[in-house]
């Protein structure tokens, strides 16, 4: 059974940092891109960042570019380093594993992803 489990969320003040982790189990994702999405209360889920395993290429939403960094320690462990957090970053953050390594798919689209974690809450106070 494939599982993605996020950790590292919490409550922080604006301007501070957090690092989220995502651990995948049940299969190896060394031919798959992975990404982070978030959903704030009353809003639709939105793309945050994605990472292609083969080349290390990354993609970011404009709202987090320059503040967030996605990385992968190995094919099944992914991180999201979040710096200079803002109250607008408050959301449930979920990691996801794509159906492929983004060769025939769009990293920012949720339909690209076949596996999802349950999410971890990030709350940024002003």
Protein backbone atom coordinates (compact mmCIF):
# COMPACT_ATOMS: atom_id res chain seq x y z
CA UNK A 1 0.00 0.00 0.00
CA UNK A 2 1.45 3.35 -1.05
CA UNK A 3 1.53 5.99 1.64
CA UNK A 4 2.76 9.58 1.71
CA UNK A 5 3.12 11.09 5.16
CA UNK A 6 3.83 14.77 5.78
CA UNK A 7 5.37 16.22 8.91
CA UNK A 8 6.85 19.46 10.14
CA UNK A 9 3.81 21.71 10.16
CA UNK A 10 2.96 24.00 13.05
CA UNK A 11 2.29 27.52 14.25
CA UNK A 12 4.91 30.18 13.53
CA UNK A 13 5.11 33.95 13.50
CA UNK A 14 5.36 35.82 10.24
CA UNK A 15 8.92 36.11 9.02
CA UNK A 16 10.00 32.79 10.48
CA UNK A 17 10.75 29.48 8.77
CA UNK A 18 9.48 25.91 8.72
CA UNK A 19 10.63 22.77 6.96
CA UNK A 20 8.06 20.25 5.85
CA UNK A 21 8.95 16.63 5.15
CA UNK A 22 7.19 14.01 3.06
CA UNK A 23 8.05 10.33 3.38
CA UNK A 24 6.72 7.88 0.82
CA UNK A 25 6.44 4.14 1.34
CA UNK A 26 4.99 1.17 -0.46
CA UNK A 27 6.92 1.66 -3.69
CA UNK A 28 9.91 3.52 -5.08
CA UNK A 29 9.38 6.85 -6.79
CA UNK A 30 12.67 7.08 -8.69
CA UNK A 31 10.84 7.62 -11.97
CA UNK A 32 8.32 10.06 -10.62
CA UNK A 33 8.09 13.74 -10.01
CA UNK A 34 6.78 14.90 -6.66
CA UNK A 35 5.17 18.10 -5.53
CA UNK A 36 3.57 20.16 -2.80
CA UNK A 37 0.11 21.68 -2.84
CA UNK A 38 -1.75 23.69 -0.23
CA UNK A 39 -5.33 24.52 0.61
CA UNK A 40 -6.40 27.41 2.79
CA UNK A 41 -9.83 27.54 4.45
CA UNK A 42 -12.50 28.49 1.95
CA UNK A 43 -10.09 28.37 -0.98
CA UNK A 44 -9.27 25.87 -3.67
CA UNK A 45 -6.18 23.71 -3.52
CA UNK A 46 -3.23 25.41 -5.17
CA UNK A 47 0.11 24.32 -6.49
CA UNK A 48 3.18 25.26 -4.44
CA UNK A 49 6.25 23.51 -5.85
CA UNK A 50 7.38 20.44 -7.78
CA UNK A 51 10.59 18.49 -8.37
CA UNK A 52 11.58 16.27 -11.25
CA UNK A 53 13.65 13.33 -9.97
CA UNK A 54 15.82 12.65 -13.06
CA UNK A 55 17.16 16.18 -13.55
CA UNK A 56 16.42 17.96 -10.30
CA UNK A 57 14.46 20.62 -12.13
CA UNK A 58 12.05 22.51 -9.90
CA UNK A 59 8.91 24.59 -10.39
CA UNK A 60 7.36 27.12 -8.00
CA UNK A 61 4.19 29.10 -7.71
CA UNK A 62 4.85 32.82 -8.12
CA UNK A 63 3.57 33.45 -4.60
CA UNK A 64 6.35 31.37 -3.02
CA UNK A 65 9.21 31.86 -5.47
CA UNK A 66 12.32 33.04 -3.67
CA UNK A 67 10.95 32.05 -0.25
CA UNK A 68 10.31 28.30 -0.56
CA UNK A 69 12.71 25.59 -1.68
CA UNK A 70 11.74 22.06 -2.66
CA UNK A 71 14.27 19.25 -2.45
CA UNK A 72 14.48 15.49 -2.35
CA UNK A 73 16.89 13.53 -0.19
CA UNK A 74 16.26 10.37 -2.14
CA UNK A 75 13.51 9.16 -4.41
CA UNK A 76 11.06 8.70 -1.53
CA UNK A 77 11.84 11.62 0.78
CA UNK A 78 10.95 15.21 -0.08
CA UNK A 79 11.23 18.51 1.75
CA UNK A 80 9.78 21.99 1.51
CA UNK A 81 11.90 24.64 3.19
CA UNK A 82 9.69 27.65 3.82
CA UNK A 83 11.30 30.96 4.74
CA UNK A 84 9.96 34.47 5.36
CA UNK A 85 6.54 33.00 6.01
CA UNK A 86 3.51 35.24 5.65
CA UNK A 87 -0.01 34.92 7.10
CA UNK A 88 -1.19 34.23 3.53
CA UNK A 89 0.85 31.00 3.62
CA UNK A 90 -1.51 29.56 6.23
CA UNK A 91 -2.95 26.33 4.80
CA UNK A 92 -2.91 22.57 4.91
CA UNK A 93 0.13 21.46 2.92
CA UNK A 94 0.00 18.13 1.11
CA UNK A 95 2.67 16.25 -0.75
CA UNK A 96 1.95 14.24 -3.86
CA UNK A 97 3.69 11.81 -6.19
CA UNK A 98 3.12 12.13 -9.92
CA UNK A 99 2.24 9.44 -12.43
CA UNK A 100 5.54 10.07 -14.23
CA UNK A 101 8.60 12.32 -14.01
CA UNK A 102 6.74 15.25 -15.59
CA UNK A 103 7.73 14.28 -19.14
CA UNK A 104 4.16 14.13 -20.39
CA UNK A 105 2.40 16.08 -17.67
CA UNK A 106 2.19 19.50 -16.07
CA UNK A 107 3.68 19.76 -12.57
CA UNK A 108 1.23 22.45 -11.44
CA UNK A 109 -1.90 20.45 -12.20
CA UNK A 110 -3.34 18.28 -9.46
CA UNK A 111 -4.48 15.70 -12.00
CA UNK A 112 -0.81 14.96 -12.71
CA UNK A 113 -0.49 13.29 -9.35
CA UNK A 114 -1.56 9.76 -8.49
CA UNK A 115 -0.75 9.62 -4.78
CA UNK A 116 -1.48 12.14 -2.04
CA UNK A 117 -0.66 12.55 1.61
CA UNK A 118 -3.17 13.61 4.25
CA UNK A 119 -1.58 16.99 4.78
CA UNK A 120 0.02 18.96 7.58
CA UNK A 121 -1.29 22.26 8.94
CA UNK A 122 0.85 25.37 8.68
CA UNK A 123 -0.39 28.44 10.51
CA UNK A 124 1.42 31.76 10.25
CA UNK A 125 0.46 34.44 12.74
CA UNK A 126 0.95 38.14 12.07
